[in-house]
Protein backbone atom coordinates (compact mmCIF):
# COMPACT_ATOMS: atom_id res chain seq x y z
CA MET A 1 2.75 68.33 -48.04
CA LYS A 2 -0.30 69.30 -46.52
CA ILE A 3 -2.78 71.98 -45.63
CA LEU A 4 -5.36 71.87 -43.15
CA GLY A 5 -5.36 75.15 -41.28
CA PRO A 6 -6.29 75.66 -37.59
CA PHE A 7 -8.42 72.65 -36.89
CA VAL A 8 -5.84 70.19 -38.15
CA PHE A 9 -2.93 71.88 -36.22
CA LEU A 10 -4.97 71.35 -33.00
CA LEU A 11 -5.38 67.75 -33.79
CA LEU A 12 -1.74 67.41 -34.56
CA LEU A 13 -0.62 68.89 -31.49
CA GLY A 14 -2.37 66.16 -29.81
CA GLY A 15 -0.16 63.47 -31.71
CA LEU A 16 -1.55 60.39 -32.86
CA TRP A 17 1.23 57.92 -32.82
CA CYS A 18 3.89 56.63 -30.64
CA GLN A 19 7.21 55.01 -31.42
CA ASN A 20 7.26 51.30 -31.51
CA ASN A 21 7.86 50.09 -27.79
CA ARG A 22 9.03 47.04 -28.79
CA ASN A 23 11.68 48.31 -30.99
CA ALA A 24 12.67 51.59 -29.45
CA LYS A 25 16.02 51.73 -28.10
CA ALA A 26 16.57 53.04 -24.52
CA THR A 27 18.38 55.92 -25.35
CA GLY A 28 16.75 58.44 -23.13
CA LYS A 29 17.57 61.51 -25.27
CA SER A 30 14.54 62.04 -27.56
CA THR A 31 12.09 64.22 -26.39
CA LYS A 32 8.89 64.14 -28.25
CA LYS A 33 7.03 67.75 -29.18
CA SER A 34 4.11 67.94 -31.74
CA SER A 35 4.22 70.90 -33.59
CA GLY A 36 2.61 71.73 -36.90
CA SER A 37 3.20 69.08 -39.73
CA GLN A 38 3.60 68.42 -43.12
CA GLN A 39 0.64 67.34 -45.15
CA GLY A 40 -1.59 67.48 -42.14
CA ASP A 41 0.90 69.39 -40.47
CA ALA A 42 3.72 69.29 -38.95
CA GLY A 43 3.49 66.26 -36.84
CA GLN A 44 6.30 67.17 -38.55
CA SER A 45 8.70 68.77 -37.20
CA ALA A 46 10.39 65.36 -37.57
CA SER A 47 13.50 67.02 -36.61
CA ALA A 48 12.23 68.71 -33.38
CA ALA A 49 10.56 65.71 -32.65
CA ASP A 50 13.52 63.77 -32.52
CA VAL A 51 16.15 66.27 -31.42
CA THR A 52 16.86 67.04 -27.90
CA SER A 53 17.52 70.74 -26.91
CA GLY A 54 20.32 71.88 -24.65
CA SER A 55 20.76 75.07 -23.09
CA THR A 56 18.05 77.86 -23.86
CA GLY A 57 20.49 80.73 -23.82
CA ARG A 58 21.09 82.52 -27.13
CA THR A 59 24.54 83.23 -28.41
CA GLY A 60 25.93 85.68 -31.05
CA SER A 61 26.07 84.58 -34.55
CA THR A 62 29.82 83.27 -34.12
CA SER A 63 29.49 80.14 -31.86
CA ARG A 64 32.36 78.45 -30.39
CA ASN A 65 33.52 75.31 -32.07
CA THR A 66 32.91 72.22 -30.26
CA GLY A 67 34.52 69.48 -32.94
CA GLY A 68 37.59 67.44 -31.79
CA SER A 69 40.19 66.10 -34.39
CA ALA A 70 39.43 62.50 -36.19
CA GLU A 71 41.16 61.05 -39.06
CA SER A 72 39.48 61.36 -42.39
CA ARG A 73 37.28 58.25 -43.14
CA GLN A 74 36.52 56.64 -46.42
CA GLU A 75 33.05 56.64 -47.06
CA GLY A 76 31.13 53.74 -45.76
CA GLY A 77 33.72 53.37 -42.69
CA ALA A 78 32.46 53.61 -39.10
CA GLY A 79 35.47 54.93 -37.72
CA THR A 80 36.00 55.80 -34.29
CA ARG A 81 35.87 58.83 -32.17
CA GLY A 82 38.38 60.28 -29.93
CA ALA A 83 37.21 60.07 -26.60
CA GLY A 84 36.74 63.10 -24.58
CA HIS A 85 37.33 65.08 -27.68
CA GLN A 86 34.06 65.20 -29.29
CA THR A 87 31.01 66.46 -28.22
CA ASP A 88 27.58 65.00 -29.08
CA ASP A 89 25.78 68.44 -29.39
CA MET A 90 25.20 70.94 -32.24
CA ARG A 91 25.69 74.37 -31.68
CA LEU A 92 23.61 77.24 -32.80
CA HIS A 93 25.06 79.68 -35.31
CA TYR A 94 23.23 82.82 -36.62
CA LEU A 95 23.51 83.62 -40.41
CA THR A 96 26.14 86.31 -41.18
CA ASN A 97 23.82 87.79 -43.57
CA THR A 98 21.33 89.46 -41.36
CA GLN A 99 18.85 90.33 -44.09
CA VAL A 100 18.04 86.72 -44.47
CA THR A 101 15.73 86.15 -41.73
CA CYS A 102 12.83 84.12 -40.07
CA ASN A 103 9.06 85.06 -41.17
CA ASP A 104 9.24 87.72 -37.98
CA GLY A 105 12.62 89.06 -38.73
CA THR A 106 14.43 87.36 -36.23
CA ALA A 107 17.91 86.11 -37.29
CA ALA A 108 17.71 82.80 -38.90
CA GLY A 109 20.45 80.10 -38.47
CA PHE A 110 21.56 76.43 -38.21
CA TYR A 111 23.11 74.07 -35.79
CA LEU A 112 26.30 72.61 -36.29
CA LYS A 113 28.28 69.68 -35.16
CA GLU A 114 31.63 69.51 -36.84
CA PHE A 115 33.87 66.32 -37.05
CA ARG A 116 37.17 67.57 -37.74
CA GLY A 117 38.75 65.69 -40.64
CA SER A 118 35.78 64.33 -42.19
CA ARG A 119 34.87 65.13 -45.78
CA ARG A 120 31.27 64.23 -45.59
CA TRP A 121 28.47 66.63 -44.59
CA LEU A 122 25.01 65.80 -43.69
CA LEU A 123 22.67 69.01 -44.11
CA PHE A 124 19.19 68.45 -42.45
CA LEU A 125 16.00 70.45 -43.43
CA GLU A 126 13.49 70.60 -40.50
CA GLY A 127 9.64 70.10 -41.36
CA GLY A 128 6.42 71.66 -40.43
CA TRP A 129 3.93 72.58 -43.35
CA CYS A 130 3.38 75.98 -44.18
CA CYS A 131 1.40 79.02 -43.83
CA TYR A 132 0.07 80.64 -46.80
CA SER A 133 -2.25 83.79 -45.90
CA ARG A 134 -2.40 86.48 -43.23
CA GLU A 135 -4.74 83.99 -41.26
CA THR A 136 -3.16 81.02 -41.38
CA CYS A 137 0.19 82.71 -40.61
CA ASP A 138 -1.19 84.61 -37.78
CA TYR A 139 -2.50 81.32 -36.36
CA ARG A 140 0.86 79.67 -36.89
CA TYR A 141 2.69 82.44 -35.39
CA GLN A 142 0.46 82.48 -32.42
CA ASN A 143 0.52 78.71 -31.67
CA ILE A 144 3.73 77.42 -33.15
CA PRO A 145 6.02 80.52 -32.68
CA ARG A 146 9.39 78.55 -32.96
CA LEU A 147 8.52 77.42 -36.73
CA MET A 148 8.39 81.40 -37.30
CA SER A 149 10.77 82.95 -35.10
CA SER A 150 14.23 81.96 -33.60
CA SER A 151 13.63 84.08 -30.34
CA GLY A 152 13.22 80.80 -28.49
CA TRP A 153 15.73 78.67 -30.23
CA PRO A 154 18.16 76.72 -27.56
CA GLU A 155 21.77 77.14 -27.79
CA THR A 156 22.47 73.57 -28.56
CA LYS A 157 20.75 70.48 -29.64
CA ARG A 158 21.53 66.80 -29.71
CA GLY A 159 20.53 64.67 -32.77
CA SER A 160 19.04 61.29 -33.06
CA GLY A 161 18.73 58.84 -35.91
CA ILE A 162 20.82 59.87 -38.66
CA LEU A 163 21.64 63.03 -36.87
CA SER A 164 23.12 61.14 -34.13
CA SER A 165 26.86 61.10 -33.29
CA GLN A 166 26.52 57.54 -31.84
CA ALA A 167 27.89 54.90 -34.01
CA GLU A 168 25.37 52.31 -32.64
CA GLU A 169 22.58 54.57 -33.45
CA ASN A 170 23.84 56.08 -36.46
CA PRO A 171 26.49 53.53 -37.86
CA HIS A 172 27.29 54.83 -41.52
CA TRP A 173 26.75 58.94 -40.78
CA HIS A 174 27.94 59.28 -37.38
CA ASN A 175 31.21 60.84 -38.09
CA ALA A 176 30.11 63.35 -40.67
CA ASN A 177 29.56 66.95 -40.24
CA ILE A 178 26.14 67.29 -39.06
CA VAL A 179 24.03 70.59 -39.82
CA PHE A 180 20.56 71.02 -38.65
CA ILE A 181 18.71 73.93 -40.43
CA PRO A 182 15.53 75.02 -38.22
CA TYR A 183 12.49 75.66 -40.15
CA CYS A 184 11.31 79.25 -39.55
CA SER A 185 10.08 80.43 -42.92
CA SER A 186 6.84 78.64 -43.33
CA ASP A 187 7.28 78.30 -47.28
CA VAL A 188 8.01 74.55 -47.65
CA TRP A 189 11.87 76.05 -48.12
CA SER A 190 10.87 77.88 -51.40
CA GLY A 191 10.68 81.43 -50.60
CA THR A 192 12.67 84.35 -51.95
CA GLY A 193 10.60 87.08 -50.54
CA PRO A 194 12.44 90.40 -50.47
CA PRO A 195 13.63 91.32 -46.72
CA PRO A 196 12.52 94.87 -45.30
CA THR A 197 14.84 97.37 -44.76
CA PRO A 198 17.66 95.94 -42.83
CA PRO A 199 17.39 96.93 -38.97
CA SER A 200 20.24 97.65 -37.19
CA ARG A 201 20.25 94.53 -35.36
CA PRO A 202 17.93 91.00 -36.36
CA ARG A 203 14.75 91.75 -34.65
CA GLN A 204 14.06 89.85 -31.38
CA GLY A 205 10.50 88.47 -30.48
CA ARG A 206 7.40 89.77 -32.03
CA ASP A 207 7.84 93.29 -32.67
CA LYS A 208 7.59 93.04 -36.11
CA VAL A 209 4.08 91.41 -36.10
CA ARG A 210 2.30 92.59 -33.17
CA ASP A 211 -0.32 94.52 -35.22
CA ARG A 212 -2.86 91.84 -36.11
CA ASN A 213 -4.25 94.14 -38.88
CA THR A 214 -1.14 94.21 -40.98
CA ASN A 215 -1.13 92.17 -44.00
CA ALA A 216 0.42 88.67 -44.43
CA THR A 217 3.12 90.07 -46.55
CA GLU A 218 4.56 91.77 -43.40
CA TYR A 219 6.44 88.14 -42.72
CA ASN A 220 9.40 87.52 -44.53
CA PHE A 221 9.15 84.07 -46.47
CA MET A 222 13.11 83.19 -47.32
CA GLY A 223 13.44 79.35 -46.93
CA SER A 224 15.36 78.87 -50.11
CA LEU A 225 17.59 81.86 -49.20
CA ILE A 226 18.33 80.57 -45.90
CA ILE A 227 19.68 77.34 -47.27
CA ARG A 228 21.93 79.28 -49.94
CA GLU A 229 23.33 81.64 -46.95
CA VAL A 230 23.83 78.52 -44.52
CA ILE A 231 26.18 76.98 -47.41
CA LYS A 232 28.23 80.33 -47.62
CA ASP A 233 28.57 80.26 -43.79
CA LEU A 234 29.92 76.72 -43.92
CA ILE A 235 32.70 77.66 -46.56
CA PRO A 236 35.12 78.59 -43.62
CA LYS A 237 34.32 75.47 -41.92
CA GLY A 238 35.55 73.64 -44.75
CA ILE A 239 32.24 72.32 -46.91
CA LYS A 240 34.36 73.53 -49.99
CA GLN A 241 36.82 70.43 -49.42
CA ALA A 242 33.73 68.09 -48.76
CA LYS A 243 33.81 64.78 -50.91
CA VAL A 244 29.91 64.36 -50.40
CA VAL A 245 27.18 66.70 -49.25
CA MET A 246 23.88 65.06 -48.24
CA LEU A 247 20.71 67.40 -48.51
CA SER A 248 18.33 65.56 -46.08
CA GLY A 249 14.99 66.61 -44.80
CA SER A 250 11.68 65.26 -43.27
CA SER A 251 8.15 65.99 -44.42
CA ALA A 252 8.13 69.61 -45.71
CA GLY A 253 11.96 69.57 -45.15
CA GLY A 254 12.00 66.57 -47.55
CA THR A 255 9.91 68.40 -49.90
CA GLY A 256 12.36 71.41 -49.60
CA VAL A 257 15.12 68.66 -50.53
CA LEU A 258 13.52 67.99 -53.85
CA LEU A 259 12.93 71.85 -54.68
CA ASN A 260 16.55 72.98 -53.57
CA ILE A 261 19.13 70.16 -54.33
CA GLU A 262 19.92 71.28 -57.82
CA ARG A 263 20.37 75.04 -56.44
CA VAL A 264 22.62 73.55 -53.80
CA ALA A 265 24.66 71.80 -56.29
CA SER A 266 25.27 74.46 -58.66
CA GLN A 267 26.14 76.72 -55.73
CA LEU A 268 28.97 74.36 -54.20
CA GLN A 269 30.09 73.95 -58.18
CA GLN A 270 30.23 77.69 -58.41
CA LEU A 271 32.47 77.84 -55.23
CA GLY A 272 34.80 75.36 -56.82
CA ALA A 273 33.97 72.42 -54.43
CA GLU A 274 34.25 69.09 -55.98
CA ALA A 275 31.49 67.35 -53.72
CA GLN A 276 28.98 65.31 -54.90
CA VAL A 277 25.40 66.60 -53.86
CA ARG A 278 23.07 63.94 -52.89
CA GLY A 279 19.42 64.09 -51.73
CA LEU A 280 17.65 62.14 -48.86
CA VAL A 281 13.86 62.76 -48.90
CA ASP A 282 12.02 61.49 -45.76
CA SER A 283 8.22 61.60 -45.80
CA GLY A 284 8.11 64.27 -48.27
CA TRP A 285 6.90 62.35 -51.42
CA PHE A 286 3.09 63.15 -51.54
CA LEU A 287 0.26 62.49 -54.00
CA GLU A 288 -2.33 65.26 -54.68
CA SER A 289 -5.66 65.09 -52.80
CA LYS A 290 -8.74 63.18 -53.88
CA GLN A 291 -11.07 65.23 -51.82
CA GLN A 292 -13.59 67.48 -53.42
CA ARG A 293 -13.51 71.20 -51.77
CA SER A 294 -14.87 74.39 -52.77
CA PRO A 295 -13.29 75.93 -55.69
CA ASN A 296 -13.08 79.24 -54.08
CA CYS A 297 -10.87 77.90 -51.47
CA PRO A 298 -11.51 80.18 -48.50
CA GLU A 299 -8.14 80.18 -46.95
CA THR A 300 -8.78 78.08 -43.83
CA VAL A 301 -9.05 74.49 -43.28
CA SER A 302 -11.12 73.68 -46.60
CA CYS A 303 -8.08 74.21 -49.06
CA SER A 304 -6.26 71.21 -50.39
CA PRO A 305 -2.57 71.22 -50.40
CA GLU A 306 -2.42 72.10 -54.09
CA ASP A 307 -4.70 75.18 -53.24
CA ALA A 308 -2.57 76.18 -50.47
CA ILE A 309 0.71 75.95 -52.50
CA LYS A 310 -0.93 77.97 -55.36
CA ILE A 311 -1.81 80.76 -52.86
CA GLY A 312 1.53 80.43 -51.04
CA LEU A 313 3.97 80.45 -54.22
CA ARG A 314 2.57 84.28 -54.63
CA LEU A 315 2.93 85.19 -51.02
CA TRP A 316 6.57 83.53 -50.48
CA ASN A 317 7.98 84.59 -54.21
CA GLY A 318 8.65 80.87 -54.09
CA VAL A 319 10.92 79.37 -56.68
CA VAL A 320 11.16 75.70 -58.21
CA PRO A 321 13.63 73.89 -60.09
CA ASP A 322 14.10 75.39 -63.66
CA ARG A 323 13.80 72.16 -65.30
CA CYS A 324 10.45 71.16 -63.73
CA ARG A 325 9.20 74.64 -63.96
CA GLN A 326 9.66 74.35 -67.96
CA LEU A 327 7.39 71.25 -68.00
CA PHE A 328 4.32 73.29 -66.79
CA LYS A 329 2.61 76.47 -67.97
CA ARG A 330 2.76 79.43 -66.14
CA GLY A 331 0.39 79.14 -63.07
CA GLU A 332 1.05 75.47 -62.78
CA GLU A 333 4.36 75.72 -60.67
CA TRP A 334 2.66 74.03 -57.87
CA LYS A 335 2.92 70.68 -59.34
CA CYS A 336 6.70 70.58 -58.86
CA PHE A 337 5.99 70.27 -55.31
CA PHE A 338 5.11 66.82 -56.00
CA GLY A 339 7.92 64.34 -56.05
CA HIS A 340 6.42 62.14 -58.45
CA ARG A 341 6.18 65.16 -61.02
CA LEU A 342 9.55 66.73 -60.28
CA TYR A 343 11.89 63.42 -59.77
CA SER A 344 12.56 62.84 -63.53
CA THR A 345 13.87 66.23 -64.04
CA LEU A 346 16.69 66.22 -61.16
CA THR A 347 20.01 65.33 -62.07
CA SER A 348 21.49 64.94 -58.59
CA PRO A 349 21.03 61.51 -57.26
CA VAL A 350 18.10 61.31 -54.69
CA PHE A 351 17.11 58.66 -52.03
CA ILE A 352 13.31 58.44 -51.03
CA VAL A 353 12.25 57.23 -47.79
CA GLN A 354 8.49 56.76 -47.61
CA TRP A 355 5.72 54.95 -45.70
CA LEU A 356 3.60 53.69 -48.22
CA PHE A 357 0.60 54.61 -45.74
CA ASP A 358 1.81 58.11 -44.61
CA GLU A 359 -0.26 59.25 -41.97
CA GLU A 360 -0.04 62.75 -43.23
CA GLN A 361 -1.29 61.84 -46.60
CA LEU A 362 -4.38 60.47 -44.73
CA ARG A 363 -4.94 63.79 -42.85
CA VAL A 364 -5.06 65.49 -46.05
CA GLU A 365 -8.20 63.21 -46.73
CA ASN A 366 -9.63 63.76 -43.11
CA ILE A 367 -8.63 60.28 -42.06
CA TYR A 368 -7.35 60.02 -38.69
CA ILE A 369 -6.04 56.60 -37.55
CA GLY A 370 -7.03 56.11 -33.89
CA GLY A 371 -9.72 58.79 -34.02
CA GLN A 372 -13.36 58.44 -33.39
CA SER A 373 -14.62 56.85 -36.64
CA MET A 374 -13.79 55.45 -40.01
CA SER A 375 -16.05 55.18 -43.08
CA GLU A 376 -15.94 52.01 -45.44
CA GLU A 377 -14.95 54.65 -48.17
CA GLN A 378 -11.94 55.79 -46.20
CA TRP A 379 -10.73 52.40 -45.28
CA GLN A 380 -10.80 51.59 -49.20
CA TYR A 381 -8.81 54.87 -49.68
CA ILE A 382 -6.39 53.73 -47.26
CA GLN A 383 -6.03 50.23 -49.25
CA ASN A 384 -5.63 51.95 -52.41
CA LEU A 385 -2.99 54.47 -51.12
CA GLY A 386 -0.41 51.85 -50.58
CA LEU A 387 -0.85 50.72 -54.18
CA GLU A 388 -0.81 54.33 -55.93
CA LEU A 389 2.30 55.30 -53.69
CA LYS A 390 4.17 52.26 -54.63
CA ASN A 391 3.41 52.59 -58.48
CA SER A 392 4.95 56.38 -58.07
CA LEU A 393 8.01 54.97 -56.72
CA ARG A 394 8.49 52.22 -59.05
CA ASP A 395 10.88 54.15 -61.19
CA VAL A 396 12.82 55.68 -58.39
CA THR A 397 16.45 54.40 -58.46
CA ALA A 398 17.03 54.65 -54.70
CA VAL A 399 13.82 53.84 -52.43
CA PHE A 400 12.91 52.50 -48.92
CA ALA A 401 9.12 52.23 -48.55
CA PRO A 402 7.75 50.14 -45.80
CA SER A 403 4.05 48.93 -45.84
CA CYS A 404 3.41 50.94 -42.42
CA LEU A 405 1.13 53.66 -41.08
CA SER A 406 3.53 56.39 -39.96
CA HIS A 407 5.10 59.57 -40.65
CA THR A 408 9.01 60.59 -40.89
CA LEU A 409 11.69 57.90 -40.00
CA ILE A 410 15.05 59.17 -40.35
CA THR A 411 15.25 61.03 -36.87
CA LYS A 412 13.78 58.26 -34.88
CA SER A 413 16.20 56.96 -32.58
CA ASN A 414 15.11 53.31 -33.42
CA TRP A 415 15.49 54.04 -37.39
CA THR A 416 17.82 51.13 -37.60
CA ASN A 417 15.04 48.62 -36.61
CA PHE A 418 12.77 49.20 -39.55
CA GLN A 419 13.25 46.91 -42.58
CA VAL A 420 12.17 46.12 -46.07
CA ARG A 421 12.83 42.41 -47.15
CA GLY A 422 15.36 42.04 -44.33
CA THR A 423 17.11 45.23 -45.33
CA SER A 424 17.54 48.22 -42.98
CA LEU A 425 17.27 52.12 -44.13
CA PRO A 426 21.22 52.55 -42.85
CA ARG A 427 22.07 49.57 -44.64
CA ALA A 428 20.29 50.47 -47.87
CA LEU A 429 22.03 54.04 -47.51
CA GLN A 430 25.45 52.45 -47.09
CA CYS A 431 24.52 50.27 -50.25
CA TRP A 432 23.49 53.26 -52.24
CA ASP A 433 26.76 55.45 -51.24
CA ARG A 434 28.96 52.53 -52.42
CA SER A 435 27.09 52.19 -55.69
CA LEU A 436 27.34 55.94 -56.43
CA GLU A 437 31.33 55.72 -55.38
CA ALA A 438 31.59 52.84 -57.75
CA ILE A 439 30.02 54.90 -60.64
CA ARG A 440 32.23 57.99 -60.01
CA ASN A 441 35.10 55.64 -60.14
CA ASN A 442 34.21 54.04 -63.29
CA ARG A 443 34.08 50.55 -61.70
CA THR A 444 30.80 48.01 -61.55
CA PRO A 445 28.82 48.29 -58.54
CA ALA A 446 28.83 45.38 -56.28
CA LYS A 447 25.85 42.74 -56.29
CA GLY A 448 23.75 41.62 -53.45
CA CYS A 449 23.57 45.44 -51.72
CA PRO A 450 20.24 46.54 -52.42
CA PHE A 451 18.62 50.03 -52.16
CA HIS A 452 15.44 49.86 -54.37
CA LEU A 453 13.20 48.47 -51.71
CA LEU A 454 9.53 48.40 -52.10
CA ASP A 455 7.37 46.35 -49.51
CA THR A 456 5.67 43.52 -51.49
CA CYS A 457 2.75 42.94 -49.01
CA GLN A 458 -0.33 44.94 -49.61
CA TRP A 459 -1.99 45.91 -46.48
CA PRO A 460 -0.91 48.95 -43.96
CA GLN A 461 1.28 47.43 -40.84
CA CYS A 462 1.88 43.95 -42.81
CA ASN A 463 5.67 44.35 -42.34
CA PRO A 464 6.72 43.18 -39.03
CA THR A 465 8.89 45.85 -38.29
CA CYS A 466 6.19 48.64 -38.67
CA PRO A 467 5.84 51.05 -35.63
CA ALA A 468 3.16 49.64 -33.35
CA LEU A 469 -0.50 51.04 -33.56
CA VAL A 470 -1.29 52.76 -30.18
CA ASP A 471 -4.90 53.53 -28.87
CA LYS A 472 -4.67 57.30 -27.96
CA THR A 473 -6.82 56.94 -24.96
CA THR A 474 -5.71 53.53 -23.36
CA GLN A 475 -2.05 53.89 -24.83
CA GLN A 476 -2.29 50.06 -25.39
CA GLU A 477 -0.95 48.49 -28.62
CA LEU A 478 -3.50 47.29 -31.03
CA THR A 479 -3.34 45.31 -34.28
CA LEU A 480 -4.61 46.76 -37.34
CA LEU A 481 -7.76 45.03 -37.15
CA GLN A 482 -8.48 45.75 -33.57
CA MET A 483 -7.97 49.61 -34.47
CA LEU A 484 -10.48 49.29 -37.26
CA VAL A 485 -12.93 47.59 -34.98
CA ALA A 486 -12.02 50.74 -32.38
CA MET A 487 -12.93 52.94 -35.05
CA GLY A 488 -16.41 51.53 -35.73
CA LEU A 489 -16.00 49.61 -39.06
CA ASP A 490 -17.76 46.29 -39.34
CA LEU A 491 -15.21 43.80 -40.34
CA GLN A 492 -17.73 41.20 -41.55
CA ARG A 493 -19.48 44.03 -43.73
CA LEU A 494 -16.03 44.55 -45.03
CA GLY A 495 -15.43 40.95 -45.76
CA LEU A 496 -12.83 40.62 -43.08
CA ASP A 497 -12.87 37.66 -40.91
CA PRO A 498 -11.16 38.58 -37.67
CA GLN A 499 -9.81 34.84 -37.12
CA GLY A 500 -9.36 34.05 -40.70
CA ASP A 501 -7.68 37.59 -41.76
CA ALA A 502 -5.19 37.32 -38.71
CA ASP A 503 -3.98 33.90 -40.16
CA SER A 504 -3.71 35.52 -43.97
CA LEU A 505 -2.01 38.66 -42.35
CA VAL A 506 0.52 36.44 -40.67
CA SER A 507 1.08 34.73 -44.03
CA MET A 508 1.63 37.95 -45.84
CA VAL A 509 4.21 38.92 -43.56
CA ARG A 510 6.13 36.11 -43.99
CA ASN A 511 5.94 36.21 -47.22
CA GLY A 512 6.43 40.22 -47.85
CA GLY A 513 7.58 42.68 -45.58
């Protein structure tokens, strides 16, 4: 999660990373846009960063179905797609319930690509951190309006990574019904704020919030309600007949999965569906900040993520899972936004995907890899972060955690290239699926198919499949040691010998990763 107001937003918009050019596939489909983030902020929008937009024309709430016919597949089967009958695009649908809206009162909605005959559904929550006061929400609305309004949403999107309909890019989930839910509630998908008096039509544009003298409560915060209404609108599309419903998300969307999966499972159960609801959390597993800040927390860049959530929960009328809320006294509900506190209270199976050196976790501590400078204390924090994250994940049943400096994974077009101990994430997800199916059918899960994958090497970037570090100025790839030197660290003072440590890093890579 992240906080860091305007200053961080500006830094994030510049972007810090580029994908691993050595590993990336030449898909030509993915267009990168920086836009608010999750934790330092929305570098996030994992989704928008890896989803290509189509036509920009808006359509009504009922969009034309574009899915072709296909045989129902068993879980884990790749299957084939009927040539000429299946579109790769997801099409925009606005919610039937017009009282559940984006922050500015415009219609909320979702993108859908149907795969006719499939009984598997993948729902994806977009990320992009949050706003938690009039000042932070006004800033967000001015600079990243698509995270607060649907007025500029394109009519279609094309997914990448786990949202792709191409078998070579998405070997295990390409033949599922794919639902992309844009993030326009700014509440980490927790809000249940009451709507205003229903207008005759969903408000378009910025007419609702043009008056900058209005209080932030003039915005709607309905993230949790949006998820509920999407499920309702998918009933005519066949989600009640689903065998598996995977609620997934990246960054703030990943945290949204943790906060909403039990509610989604309960909703589907009440509808009479027999689907198993599962969660896939990408880069949404954060640790509390260690940085000392003003106890008054002026509602700007000095707030910690914990303080932002505390303030935001009241503004959003936010909700957390009941079992987690019961663990903490009144006023401490914010703790349920942190996966290591919430995970043990969940009954639905959840798979955690987390870089051990998440760049958004670092931004919370004002550490920017590739920035102008780094202190020895910051370098020490980076080294400790990997150990702390790893320890917090040890009791997680299904996990994929590479020792890399990056943020978000599952929507990257080259997501199949990243490995932990020789196993890729798509393979680990398939092993997890098969294990869950075996348990449901009272069978013993097969051996030799791993899905608890924590890197054993200790350094950032010690996994040979990590995304490359790229110098922001020169766009040249750098090793970790070269990057530390560029950021002003004295390697000898740190006890690092550039030549000797290069050899030791190679040894660690061979023995770990």
